[in-house]
N, C-alpha and C. Protein backbone atom coordinates (compact mmCIF):
# COMPACT_ATOMS: atom_id res chain seq x y z
N UNK A 1 0.82 -1.19 0.00
CA UNK A 1 0.00 0.00 0.00
C UNK A 1 0.87 1.26 0.00
N UNK A 2 1.90 1.29 0.90
CA UNK A 2 2.75 2.47 0.98
C UNK A 2 3.47 2.72 -0.34
N UNK A 3 4.02 1.66 -0.97
CA UNK A 3 4.72 1.83 -2.24
C UNK A 3 3.77 2.36 -3.30
N UNK A 4 2.54 1.85 -3.33
CA UNK A 4 1.56 2.31 -4.31
C UNK A 4 1.22 3.78 -4.07
N UNK A 5 1.05 4.16 -2.80
CA UNK A 5 0.73 5.55 -2.48
C UNK A 5 1.85 6.47 -2.93
N UNK A 6 3.10 6.12 -2.62
CA UNK A 6 4.23 6.95 -3.06
C UNK A 6 4.30 7.03 -4.57
N UNK A 7 4.06 5.91 -5.23
CA UNK A 7 4.11 5.85 -6.68
C UNK A 7 3.08 6.80 -7.29
N UNK A 8 1.86 6.78 -6.80
CA UNK A 8 0.81 7.66 -7.30
C UNK A 8 1.14 9.12 -7.00
N UNK A 9 1.60 9.39 -5.79
CA UNK A 9 1.94 10.77 -5.43
C UNK A 9 3.07 11.29 -6.28
N UNK A 10 4.04 10.47 -6.56
CA UNK A 10 5.17 10.90 -7.37
C UNK A 10 4.70 11.33 -8.75
N UNK A 11 3.78 10.59 -9.32
CA UNK A 11 3.27 10.94 -10.64
C UNK A 11 2.56 12.29 -10.62
N UNK A 12 1.97 12.62 -9.48
CA UNK A 12 1.27 13.89 -9.37
C UNK A 12 2.22 15.07 -9.17
N UNK A 13 3.29 14.88 -8.45
CA UNK A 13 4.16 15.98 -8.06
C UNK A 13 5.32 16.23 -9.02
N UNK A 14 5.86 15.21 -9.59
CA UNK A 14 7.11 15.36 -10.33
C UNK A 14 6.92 16.25 -11.54
N UNK A 15 6.88 17.29 -12.01
CA UNK A 15 6.82 18.19 -13.20
C UNK A 15 8.09 17.99 -13.89
N UNK A 16 29.37 9.97 2.19
CA UNK A 16 30.03 9.24 1.46
C UNK A 16 31.38 9.01 1.80
N UNK A 17 31.41 8.35 2.18
CA UNK A 17 32.81 8.22 2.65
C UNK A 17 33.25 6.77 2.67
N UNK A 18 33.32 6.15 1.55
CA UNK A 18 33.86 4.81 1.44
C UNK A 18 32.92 3.69 1.86
N UNK A 19 31.72 3.99 2.29
CA UNK A 19 30.84 2.90 2.72
C UNK A 19 30.05 2.38 1.53
N UNK A 20 29.78 1.09 1.56
CA UNK A 20 29.04 0.49 0.46
C UNK A 20 27.57 0.83 0.59
N UNK A 21 26.97 1.31 -0.48
CA UNK A 21 25.58 1.73 -0.46
C UNK A 21 24.80 0.93 -1.49
N UNK A 22 24.39 -0.26 -1.13
CA UNK A 22 23.64 -1.12 -2.04
C UNK A 22 24.25 -1.12 -3.43
N UNK A 23 25.55 -1.20 -3.51
CA UNK A 23 26.19 -1.33 -4.82
C UNK A 23 26.86 -0.07 -5.31
N UNK A 24 26.49 1.10 -4.83
CA UNK A 24 27.19 2.32 -5.20
C UNK A 24 28.09 2.66 -4.03
N UNK A 25 29.34 2.93 -4.32
CA UNK A 25 30.28 3.21 -3.26
C UNK A 25 30.72 4.66 -3.34
N UNK A 26 30.40 5.46 -2.32
CA UNK A 26 30.81 6.86 -2.28
C UNK A 26 32.29 6.96 -1.98
N UNK A 27 32.96 7.94 -2.52
CA UNK A 27 34.38 8.16 -2.25
C UNK A 27 34.54 9.56 -1.70
N UNK A 28 35.59 9.76 -0.92
CA UNK A 28 35.81 11.06 -0.31
C UNK A 28 36.11 12.14 -1.34
N UNK A 29 36.51 11.77 -2.55
CA UNK A 29 36.78 12.78 -3.57
C UNK A 29 35.52 13.17 -4.33
N UNK A 30 34.37 12.67 -3.90
CA UNK A 30 33.10 13.04 -4.52
C UNK A 30 32.72 12.15 -5.68
N UNK A 31 33.60 11.22 -6.08
CA UNK A 31 33.31 10.34 -7.20
C UNK A 31 32.47 9.16 -6.75
N UNK A 32 32.11 8.32 -7.68
CA UNK A 32 31.32 7.13 -7.38
C UNK A 32 31.97 5.95 -8.06
N UNK A 33 32.22 4.90 -7.31
CA UNK A 33 32.73 3.67 -7.89
C UNK A 33 31.54 2.83 -8.30
N UNK A 34 31.53 2.38 -9.51
CA UNK A 34 30.42 1.58 -10.01
C UNK A 34 30.84 0.11 -9.99
N UNK A 35 29.97 -0.74 -9.46
CA UNK A 35 30.26 -2.16 -9.43
C UNK A 35 29.44 -2.85 -10.50
N UNK A 36 29.79 -4.08 -10.80
CA UNK A 36 29.10 -4.80 -11.87
C UNK A 36 27.65 -5.14 -11.52
N UNK A 37 27.29 -5.06 -10.25
CA UNK A 37 25.91 -5.38 -9.88
C UNK A 37 24.94 -4.22 -10.08
N UNK A 38 25.45 -3.06 -10.45
CA UNK A 38 24.59 -1.91 -10.69
C UNK A 38 23.93 -2.01 -12.06
N UNK A 39 22.96 -1.15 -12.26
CA UNK A 39 22.20 -1.18 -13.52
C UNK A 39 22.29 0.17 -14.22
N UNK A 40 22.69 0.15 -15.46
CA UNK A 40 22.77 1.36 -16.28
C UNK A 40 21.43 1.56 -16.99
N UNK A 41 20.82 2.72 -16.77
CA UNK A 41 19.57 3.06 -17.45
C UNK A 41 19.87 4.17 -18.45
N UNK A 42 19.41 4.00 -19.67
CA UNK A 42 19.65 4.95 -20.75
C UNK A 42 18.34 5.64 -21.10
N UNK A 43 18.42 6.94 -21.37
CA UNK A 43 17.21 7.71 -21.71
C UNK A 43 16.57 7.19 -22.98
N UNK A 44 15.30 7.53 -23.14
CA UNK A 44 14.54 7.12 -24.32
C UNK A 44 15.24 7.51 -25.61
N UNK A 45 15.85 8.70 -25.63
CA UNK A 45 16.51 9.17 -26.85
C UNK A 45 17.97 8.74 -26.93
N UNK A 46 18.45 8.02 -25.92
CA UNK A 46 19.82 7.51 -25.93
C UNK A 46 20.89 8.54 -25.65
N UNK A 47 20.50 9.77 -25.28
CA UNK A 47 21.48 10.84 -25.12
C UNK A 47 22.10 10.95 -23.73
N UNK A 48 21.50 10.35 -22.71
CA UNK A 48 22.09 10.39 -21.38
C UNK A 48 21.74 9.13 -20.62
N UNK A 49 22.49 8.89 -19.54
CA UNK A 49 22.29 7.67 -18.76
C UNK A 49 22.47 7.95 -17.28
N UNK A 50 21.97 7.01 -16.48
CA UNK A 50 22.05 7.09 -15.03
C UNK A 50 22.29 5.67 -14.53
N UNK A 51 23.13 5.53 -13.53
CA UNK A 51 23.39 4.22 -12.95
C UNK A 51 22.68 4.13 -11.60
N UNK A 52 21.95 3.04 -11.41
CA UNK A 52 21.23 2.83 -10.15
C UNK A 52 21.75 1.54 -9.51
N UNK A 53 21.60 1.42 -8.19
CA UNK A 53 22.09 0.23 -7.49
C UNK A 53 21.32 -1.03 -7.86
N UNK A 54 21.95 -2.16 -7.60
CA UNK A 54 21.26 -3.44 -7.75
C UNK A 54 20.01 -3.39 -6.89
N UNK A 55 18.94 -3.96 -7.37
CA UNK A 55 17.68 -3.93 -6.64
C UNK A 55 16.74 -2.84 -7.14
N UNK A 56 17.29 -1.83 -7.81
CA UNK A 56 16.44 -0.80 -8.41
C UNK A 56 16.00 -1.32 -9.78
N UNK A 57 14.81 -0.90 -10.19
CA UNK A 57 14.29 -1.32 -11.50
C UNK A 57 13.84 -0.09 -12.29
N UNK A 58 13.76 -0.28 -13.59
CA UNK A 58 13.25 0.79 -14.44
C UNK A 58 11.75 0.91 -14.20
N UNK A 59 11.28 2.14 -14.07
CA UNK A 59 9.86 2.40 -13.88
C UNK A 59 9.32 3.03 -15.17
N UNK A 60 7.99 3.10 -15.30
CA UNK A 60 7.41 3.61 -16.53
C UNK A 60 6.30 4.64 -16.33
N UNK A 61 5.81 4.81 -15.12
CA UNK A 61 4.65 5.68 -14.92
C UNK A 61 4.86 6.78 -13.89
N UNK A 62 6.11 7.09 -13.56
CA UNK A 62 6.35 8.14 -12.56
C UNK A 62 6.13 9.52 -13.14
N UNK A 63 6.61 9.75 -14.36
CA UNK A 63 6.46 11.05 -15.02
C UNK A 63 6.61 10.83 -16.51
N UNK A 64 5.59 11.13 -17.28
CA UNK A 64 5.62 10.85 -18.73
C UNK A 64 6.66 11.67 -19.46
N UNK A 65 7.14 12.77 -18.88
CA UNK A 65 8.16 13.59 -19.52
C UNK A 65 9.58 13.15 -19.19
N UNK A 66 9.72 12.24 -18.25
CA UNK A 66 11.05 11.82 -17.81
C UNK A 66 11.73 10.95 -18.85
N UNK A 67 13.01 11.21 -19.06
CA UNK A 67 13.82 10.39 -19.96
C UNK A 67 14.24 9.09 -19.30
N UNK A 68 14.38 9.11 -17.98
CA UNK A 68 14.73 7.93 -17.20
C UNK A 68 13.85 7.93 -15.96
N UNK A 69 13.34 6.75 -15.59
CA UNK A 69 12.52 6.58 -14.40
C UNK A 69 12.96 5.30 -13.71
N UNK A 70 13.14 5.36 -12.38
CA UNK A 70 13.58 4.18 -11.64
C UNK A 70 12.93 4.14 -10.27
N UNK A 71 12.84 2.93 -9.72
CA UNK A 71 12.30 2.76 -8.38
C UNK A 71 13.13 1.74 -7.64
N UNK A 72 13.33 2.04 -6.35
CA UNK A 72 14.04 1.12 -5.47
C UNK A 72 13.11 0.68 -4.37
N UNK A 73 13.66 0.02 -3.38
CA UNK A 73 12.85 -0.48 -2.29
C UNK A 73 12.17 0.65 -1.53
N UNK A 74 12.91 1.73 -1.26
CA UNK A 74 12.37 2.84 -0.46
C UNK A 74 12.36 4.17 -1.18
N UNK A 75 12.66 4.21 -2.47
CA UNK A 75 12.75 5.50 -3.13
C UNK A 75 12.54 5.42 -4.63
N UNK A 76 12.55 6.59 -5.22
CA UNK A 76 12.30 6.75 -6.65
C UNK A 76 13.28 7.75 -7.22
N UNK A 77 13.49 7.69 -8.54
CA UNK A 77 14.35 8.66 -9.23
C UNK A 77 13.84 8.86 -10.65
N UNK A 78 13.89 10.10 -11.10
CA UNK A 78 13.58 10.42 -12.49
C UNK A 78 14.62 11.41 -13.00
N UNK A 79 14.82 11.41 -14.31
CA UNK A 79 15.67 12.41 -14.95
C UNK A 79 14.82 13.12 -15.99
N UNK A 80 14.78 14.44 -15.88
CA UNK A 80 14.06 15.29 -16.83
C UNK A 80 15.09 16.23 -17.45
N UNK A 81 15.04 16.41 -18.76
CA UNK A 81 16.02 17.25 -19.45
C UNK A 81 15.34 18.33 -20.25
N UNK A 82 15.93 19.52 -20.20
CA UNK A 82 15.40 20.65 -20.95
C UNK A 82 16.52 21.27 -21.79
N UNK A 83 16.17 21.65 -23.01
CA UNK A 83 17.11 22.34 -23.89
C UNK A 83 17.18 23.79 -23.42
N UNK A 84 18.39 24.28 -23.18
CA UNK A 84 18.56 25.64 -22.64
C UNK A 84 17.91 26.71 -23.50
N UNK A 85 18.06 26.61 -24.80
CA UNK A 85 17.53 27.67 -25.67
C UNK A 85 16.00 27.75 -25.63
N UNK A 86 15.33 26.71 -25.11
CA UNK A 86 13.87 26.72 -24.99
C UNK A 86 13.39 27.35 -23.68
N UNK A 87 14.31 27.69 -22.79
CA UNK A 87 13.94 28.17 -21.46
C UNK A 87 14.05 29.69 -21.36
N UNK A 88 13.13 30.29 -20.63
CA UNK A 88 13.20 31.74 -20.41
C UNK A 88 14.33 32.10 -19.44
N UNK A 89 14.62 31.22 -18.49
CA UNK A 89 15.76 31.41 -17.58
C UNK A 89 16.60 30.14 -17.65
N UNK A 90 17.67 30.19 -18.42
CA UNK A 90 18.52 29.02 -18.59
C UNK A 90 19.74 29.04 -17.68
N UNK A 91 19.74 29.95 -16.69
CA UNK A 91 20.85 29.94 -15.73
C UNK A 91 20.66 28.76 -14.79
N UNK A 92 21.74 28.17 -14.37
CA UNK A 92 21.67 27.03 -13.46
C UNK A 92 20.93 27.41 -12.18
N UNK A 93 21.26 28.56 -11.62
CA UNK A 93 20.64 29.00 -10.38
C UNK A 93 19.14 29.25 -10.54
N UNK A 94 18.77 29.99 -11.56
CA UNK A 94 17.36 30.31 -11.77
C UNK A 94 16.52 29.09 -12.09
N UNK A 95 17.05 28.22 -12.93
CA UNK A 95 16.30 27.02 -13.30
C UNK A 95 16.12 26.10 -12.10
N UNK A 96 17.19 25.91 -11.32
CA UNK A 96 17.13 25.05 -10.14
C UNK A 96 16.11 25.57 -9.14
N UNK A 97 16.15 26.85 -8.86
CA UNK A 97 15.20 27.47 -7.94
C UNK A 97 13.76 27.33 -8.46
N UNK A 98 13.59 27.56 -9.77
CA UNK A 98 12.26 27.43 -10.38
C UNK A 98 11.70 26.02 -10.31
N UNK A 99 12.54 25.01 -10.51
CA UNK A 99 12.09 23.61 -10.44
C UNK A 99 11.68 23.26 -9.01
N UNK A 100 12.49 23.72 -8.04
CA UNK A 100 12.15 23.46 -6.64
C UNK A 100 10.83 24.13 -6.28
N UNK A 101 10.66 25.35 -6.73
CA UNK A 101 9.42 26.08 -6.44
C UNK A 101 8.22 25.39 -7.09
N UNK A 102 8.40 24.83 -8.27
CA UNK A 102 7.31 24.12 -8.95
C UNK A 102 6.86 22.90 -8.15
N UNK A 103 7.80 22.20 -7.55
CA UNK A 103 7.44 21.05 -6.73
C UNK A 103 6.60 21.51 -5.54
N UNK A 104 7.04 22.57 -4.89
CA UNK A 104 6.30 23.10 -3.74
C UNK A 104 4.92 23.59 -4.15
N UNK A 105 4.84 24.31 -5.26
CA UNK A 105 3.56 24.84 -5.75
C UNK A 105 2.58 23.72 -6.06
N UNK A 106 3.08 22.60 -6.59
CA UNK A 106 2.21 21.48 -6.97
C UNK A 106 1.94 20.52 -5.82
N UNK A 107 2.34 20.89 -4.62
CA UNK A 107 2.06 20.05 -3.46
C UNK A 107 1.15 20.83 -2.51
N UNK A 108 0.90 20.25 -1.36
CA UNK A 108 0.07 20.91 -0.35
C UNK A 108 0.95 21.59 0.67
N UNK A 109 1.89 22.36 0.19
CA UNK A 109 2.82 23.07 1.07
C UNK A 109 4.16 22.39 1.09
N UNK A 110 5.18 23.18 1.31
CA UNK A 110 6.51 22.61 1.35
C UNK A 110 7.56 23.66 1.62
N UNK A 111 8.79 23.21 1.65
CA UNK A 111 9.90 24.10 1.94
C UNK A 111 11.14 23.61 1.20
N UNK A 112 11.84 24.53 0.55
CA UNK A 112 13.08 24.16 -0.12
C UNK A 112 14.26 24.58 0.73
N UNK A 113 15.26 23.70 0.79
CA UNK A 113 16.49 24.02 1.50
C UNK A 113 17.42 24.79 0.60
N UNK A 114 18.54 25.25 1.15
CA UNK A 114 19.52 25.98 0.35
C UNK A 114 20.18 25.05 -0.66
N UNK A 115 20.66 25.62 -1.74
CA UNK A 115 21.36 24.80 -2.74
C UNK A 115 22.84 24.75 -2.41
N UNK A 116 23.47 23.67 -2.80
CA UNK A 116 24.91 23.55 -2.67
C UNK A 116 25.46 23.16 -4.04
N UNK A 117 26.62 23.72 -4.35
CA UNK A 117 27.23 23.43 -5.64
C UNK A 117 28.00 22.12 -5.54
N UNK A 118 27.78 21.25 -6.53
CA UNK A 118 28.48 19.97 -6.62
C UNK A 118 28.95 19.79 -8.06
N UNK A 119 29.88 18.88 -8.27
CA UNK A 119 30.34 18.55 -9.62
C UNK A 119 29.81 17.16 -9.96
N UNK A 120 29.18 17.05 -11.11
CA UNK A 120 28.65 15.77 -11.60
C UNK A 120 29.32 15.50 -12.94
N UNK A 121 30.16 14.50 -13.01
CA UNK A 121 30.85 14.17 -14.26
C UNK A 121 31.66 15.35 -14.79
N UNK A 122 32.26 16.13 -13.91
CA UNK A 122 33.04 17.29 -14.32
C UNK A 122 32.21 18.50 -14.70
N UNK A 123 30.92 18.43 -14.48
CA UNK A 123 30.02 19.53 -14.83
C UNK A 123 29.44 20.16 -13.57
N UNK A 124 29.22 21.45 -13.64
CA UNK A 124 28.65 22.20 -12.53
C UNK A 124 27.19 21.78 -12.30
N UNK A 125 26.83 21.63 -11.03
CA UNK A 125 25.46 21.24 -10.68
C UNK A 125 25.09 21.88 -9.35
N UNK A 126 23.79 22.03 -9.14
CA UNK A 126 23.26 22.50 -7.86
C UNK A 126 22.37 21.41 -7.29
N UNK A 127 22.48 21.22 -5.98
CA UNK A 127 21.71 20.18 -5.32
C UNK A 127 21.00 20.79 -4.11
N UNK A 128 19.74 20.40 -3.90
CA UNK A 128 19.00 20.89 -2.74
C UNK A 128 17.96 19.87 -2.31
N UNK A 129 17.59 19.98 -1.05
CA UNK A 129 16.55 19.14 -0.48
C UNK A 129 15.24 19.93 -0.49
N UNK A 130 14.15 19.25 -0.75
CA UNK A 130 12.83 19.87 -0.75
C UNK A 130 11.90 18.98 0.07
N UNK A 131 11.20 19.58 1.00
CA UNK A 131 10.20 18.86 1.78
C UNK A 131 8.83 19.33 1.33
N UNK A 132 7.94 18.38 1.06
CA UNK A 132 6.60 18.73 0.58
C UNK A 132 5.60 17.71 1.11
N UNK A 133 4.35 18.13 1.14
CA UNK A 133 3.27 17.24 1.54
C UNK A 133 2.39 17.00 0.33
N UNK A 134 2.19 15.73 0.03
CA UNK A 134 1.39 15.33 -1.14
C UNK A 134 0.34 14.33 -0.68
N UNK A 135 -0.92 14.69 -0.87
CA UNK A 135 -2.04 13.83 -0.47
C UNK A 135 -1.88 13.34 0.97
N UNK A 136 -1.48 14.27 1.83
CA UNK A 136 -1.36 13.97 3.25
C UNK A 136 -0.10 13.23 3.66
N UNK A 137 0.80 12.99 2.74
CA UNK A 137 2.03 12.27 3.06
C UNK A 137 3.23 13.20 2.90
N UNK A 138 4.13 13.18 3.88
CA UNK A 138 5.33 14.00 3.83
C UNK A 138 6.41 13.30 3.01
N UNK A 139 6.88 14.01 1.98
CA UNK A 139 7.88 13.49 1.05
C UNK A 139 9.10 14.41 1.10
N UNK A 140 10.29 13.82 1.03
CA UNK A 140 11.51 14.61 0.91
C UNK A 140 12.18 14.25 -0.41
N UNK A 141 12.53 15.29 -1.16
CA UNK A 141 13.16 15.16 -2.47
C UNK A 141 14.61 15.61 -2.40
N UNK A 142 15.45 15.02 -3.21
CA UNK A 142 16.79 15.54 -3.47
C UNK A 142 16.79 15.92 -4.95
N UNK A 143 16.87 17.22 -5.21
CA UNK A 143 16.87 17.73 -6.58
C UNK A 143 18.30 18.12 -6.94
N UNK A 144 18.81 17.54 -8.02
CA UNK A 144 20.13 17.89 -8.54
C UNK A 144 19.93 18.36 -9.97
N UNK A 145 20.35 19.58 -10.26
CA UNK A 145 20.26 20.12 -11.61
C UNK A 145 21.68 20.23 -12.16
N UNK A 146 21.91 19.53 -13.27
CA UNK A 146 23.23 19.47 -13.89
C UNK A 146 23.21 20.28 -15.18
N UNK A 147 24.18 21.18 -15.33
CA UNK A 147 24.27 22.03 -16.52
C UNK A 147 25.27 21.45 -17.51
N UNK A 148 24.82 21.28 -18.75
CA UNK A 148 25.73 20.89 -19.83
C UNK A 148 25.70 22.02 -20.86
N UNK A 149 26.41 21.85 -21.94
CA UNK A 149 26.48 22.91 -22.94
C UNK A 149 25.10 23.30 -23.46
N UNK A 150 24.27 22.32 -23.76
CA UNK A 150 22.98 22.61 -24.37
C UNK A 150 21.77 22.28 -23.50
N UNK A 151 21.97 21.60 -22.37
CA UNK A 151 20.84 21.13 -21.56
C UNK A 151 20.99 21.49 -20.09
N UNK A 152 19.85 21.46 -19.40
CA UNK A 152 19.79 21.43 -17.95
C UNK A 152 19.04 20.14 -17.61
N UNK A 153 19.74 19.24 -16.91
CA UNK A 153 19.16 17.95 -16.53
C UNK A 153 18.78 17.99 -15.06
N UNK A 154 17.58 17.53 -14.75
CA UNK A 154 17.13 17.40 -13.37
C UNK A 154 17.18 15.93 -12.98
N UNK A 155 17.90 15.62 -11.93
CA UNK A 155 17.84 14.29 -11.34
C UNK A 155 17.07 14.48 -10.04
N UNK A 156 15.90 13.89 -9.99
CA UNK A 156 15.03 14.05 -8.83
C UNK A 156 14.84 12.69 -8.16
N UNK A 157 15.33 12.59 -6.92
CA UNK A 157 15.17 11.36 -6.14
C UNK A 157 14.30 11.69 -4.93
N UNK A 158 13.49 10.75 -4.47
CA UNK A 158 12.63 11.03 -3.33
C UNK A 158 12.21 9.77 -2.60
N UNK A 159 11.78 10.02 -1.35
CA UNK A 159 11.27 8.96 -0.48
C UNK A 159 10.34 9.61 0.54
N UNK A 160 9.61 8.77 1.26
CA UNK A 160 8.83 9.27 2.38
C UNK A 160 9.80 9.94 3.35
N UNK A 161 9.37 11.01 3.99
CA UNK A 161 10.25 11.78 4.87
C UNK A 161 10.96 10.88 5.88
N UNK A 162 10.25 9.94 6.46
CA UNK A 162 10.84 9.05 7.48
C UNK A 162 11.93 8.14 6.91
N UNK A 163 11.96 7.97 5.62
CA UNK A 163 12.94 7.08 4.99
C UNK A 163 14.03 7.82 4.23
N UNK A 164 13.91 9.15 4.14
CA UNK A 164 14.85 9.91 3.32
C UNK A 164 16.29 9.84 3.85
N UNK A 165 16.48 10.10 5.13
CA UNK A 165 17.85 10.12 5.66
C UNK A 165 18.56 8.79 5.44
N UNK A 166 17.85 7.70 5.56
CA UNK A 166 18.44 6.38 5.32
C UNK A 166 18.80 6.15 3.86
N UNK A 167 18.26 6.97 2.97
CA UNK A 167 18.51 6.83 1.54
C UNK A 167 19.30 8.00 0.94
N UNK A 168 19.59 9.01 1.73
CA UNK A 168 20.26 10.21 1.22
C UNK A 168 21.56 9.88 0.48
N UNK A 169 22.44 9.12 1.09
CA UNK A 169 23.72 8.81 0.46
C UNK A 169 23.52 8.07 -0.86
N UNK A 170 22.56 7.17 -0.89
CA UNK A 170 22.26 6.45 -2.12
C UNK A 170 21.74 7.41 -3.19
N UNK A 171 20.85 8.33 -2.82
CA UNK A 171 20.32 9.32 -3.76
C UNK A 171 21.44 10.21 -4.30
N UNK A 172 22.35 10.63 -3.42
CA UNK A 172 23.48 11.46 -3.87
C UNK A 172 24.37 10.67 -4.83
N UNK A 173 24.60 9.40 -4.52
CA UNK A 173 25.43 8.57 -5.39
C UNK A 173 24.76 8.35 -6.75
N UNK A 174 23.46 8.11 -6.76
CA UNK A 174 22.73 7.94 -8.02
C UNK A 174 22.83 9.22 -8.85
N UNK A 175 22.59 10.36 -8.22
CA UNK A 175 22.64 11.65 -8.92
C UNK A 175 24.01 11.90 -9.54
N UNK A 176 25.06 11.43 -8.86
CA UNK A 176 26.43 11.65 -9.34
C UNK A 176 26.77 10.84 -10.57
N UNK A 177 25.92 9.90 -10.96
CA UNK A 177 26.23 9.04 -12.11
C UNK A 177 25.65 9.54 -13.43
N UNK A 178 24.91 10.65 -13.42
CA UNK A 178 24.33 11.17 -14.67
C UNK A 178 25.43 11.45 -15.68
N UNK A 179 25.25 10.94 -16.90
CA UNK A 179 26.22 11.15 -17.98
C UNK A 179 25.50 11.43 -19.29
N UNK A 180 26.07 12.35 -20.07
CA UNK A 180 25.60 12.52 -21.44
C UNK A 180 26.37 11.53 -22.30
N UNK A 181 25.66 10.83 -23.16
CA UNK A 181 26.30 9.82 -24.02
C UNK A 181 26.79 10.42 -25.32
């Protein structure tokens, strides 16, 4: 029941230190070691990919606009990509703030945390936590927006608030694997 509820809510809302994390291993240098038990998911158009831990599966109904959709035991992840020239604000900061605000606006209240700058595959990215209430359930999101030459990619991972902290490192590791092919 809980997994179904999160799954339905997600469809409505979505617009490290050396320890082993279900197959993704965080490193102190911010990189991610990929093991053979992980799963590489490639976008519908073949232009980008994301690696998820063993036990995660490809999903199909989280967000129809997502290029990649995945679900794990306690969480979900989607990748949404936008062409910069199609956006009114294609700055990393403005786009990231706007996406976070859209999640809050489409929920029953919420709060976005401050953004922190991270590097994903040698590219500049902003990452922030967002807390929102959807259909009476508290959800915590980790939004990572990665800037490439022509695109802004959103990697959005989430879980029920009570399960987020236990999955944070895994969500950060998943987000760090985004690659343009």
